[in-house]
Amino acid sequence: MGGTLAGLLAAAFFAIHPFFIYYCRALAPETFFIFLTVLTYDFLFRFFSDEKVRWLFLAGVSLGCAALTKGTVLLITPAAFLTVLFILRKMWKRAWGTGILLGMITFLTISPLTVWVYQRWHEFSLILDGAGLNFWIANSDESVELFHQTTSQGFQSAQKHLWLDVLPGHDRQIRTLGPASRDAYYFHEGAKKFKENPARSLWMMTERFKIFWRPWVHPLAYSWKEVILSGLATVPLFLLGFFQLFRRLRQRHPDAIFMALALIPITLITGMLFNTEIRWRIPLVDSLLIVYSALTLAQIMQRSEGSIEEAT
């Protein structure tokens, strides 16, 4: 997006960012999710630049693979579709055809898992993402306990109680169910808790939203050393990244339109309804802020070099 200098700066930020350092040692969903999501950005940005269908095809494949690791990434699909409509708005047939093509490629990439699930359990489940489980935890009594803790020891104790005592009890009741039935069970349990005390659930949603947008990790879940380290790493990214994002949004750059649309469901829906713990933000936000921070710094450095050349 911003040339070699911006690319090198983004690579440097990724290399020293605490979240990515923490996960790079693990063969975990987050490891694949981060790589595949950033790969999707790259292909979509290339498509937004020259509108060649091959980039859209590659974006759909990488988006589908990313969704297999974290179901959250499916929320990127409507954002990309709406951005395609905006870019090609003067050619509506091509715009709709291209957007539908992206969705088809994404879901075709996912389809082998969907078919396997149906063959094994005889029920439809697009991906194995555990959204129902997350929704139940986000509205459970145990989640309330987490938010009411005042010490890190109390927080860790409540967390262990949730994962080691309460959750296994539910799993024993539904261990023979297929993925879709399990999700339906947990969605039902979560909805029941929400109906019992909607004010409490809305309060927790507000708290999760505040935690999600705080540019450092929560001191209850992490030590103060980790809080300070994450603050030093992420506060500059928030300031520089959002400055550049809003700047490009005002100039109607397609990549910024896409990012703004992607942020709405990722933060408002996922962050508030399905976040299960007080923890790092969803890595999608940090990775895109790194991209836009690198663009900001590259532009500042290039302007400084230009000013020096003019002066000499």
Foldseek 3Di string as FASTA:
>chain_A
DQPDQLVVLLVVLCVPQVVNVVPVVDPALLVLLLVLLVLLLVLLLVCLVPVDLVSLLSSLLSLLVNCQSAVLSVLLLVLSLVLLCVSVVVPNVVSNVSSVVSVVSSQVNQVVVQVVLCVVQVDGDSYLHLQLVLLLLLLDPLLVQLVPDDALVSNVVSVCCVPPPVVVVVCVVCVPHGRVVVSVVSNVNSVVSCVVPVVSLVVSLVVLLVLQPDQFADCSNDPVVRRVVSCVSGVLLVVQLVVQLVVVVVVVRSSSSSVVSSCCCSRNPCSRRRDNHRGHHRVVVVSSSSSRSSSRVVVVVVVVVVVVVVVD
